[in-house]
Amino acid sequence: MDLLTRAPDAALRATTLARLRADRRSRSRRTVLTVSVLVVVLAALLVASVLLGGLGRVDPADVLPAAFGMRTGLADYMIFRIRVPRALAALLAGALFGLAGALYQRLIRNPLATPDIVGISAGAGAGATTVLLFAPALP
């Protein structure tokens, strides 16, 4: 808004307003494009983790028939009972960690706040040590 108060005449103000609006539109388009690309990359990584998962080896040629219910057996079991739930749980856990961090920073009103800076990590470590010392039988 400093540009608007410094502008001496109406024509310059209108030009400045037009530039500000165009800049805002280009930033919003860039944000939408960035988020779209990140979602596509995340989906590709999710599919790759299901196809190339670490537990057991499933031939990629068996994945599509298993996905459409044409084949049952080891491929179906490995993909839909083990890999897909793990991948979705990892995706959900990551999203919830990100949400927790954003809420944490919003509550403290400090965009640079992390648990180690504020002291929560030290408090959690002290609590865990206390439990281990005084109640070692607890799981």
Foldseek 3Di string as FASTA:
>chain_A
DVQLVPDDDDVSNVVVVVVVVVVVVVVVVVVVVVVVVVVVVLVVVLVVCLQCPDPDHDDNVVQVCLVVVNDDDDNVCSRPVPRNVVSVVVVVVVVVVVVVLVVVCVVVVHNPDDCVVVVVVVVVVVVVVVCCVPPVVDD
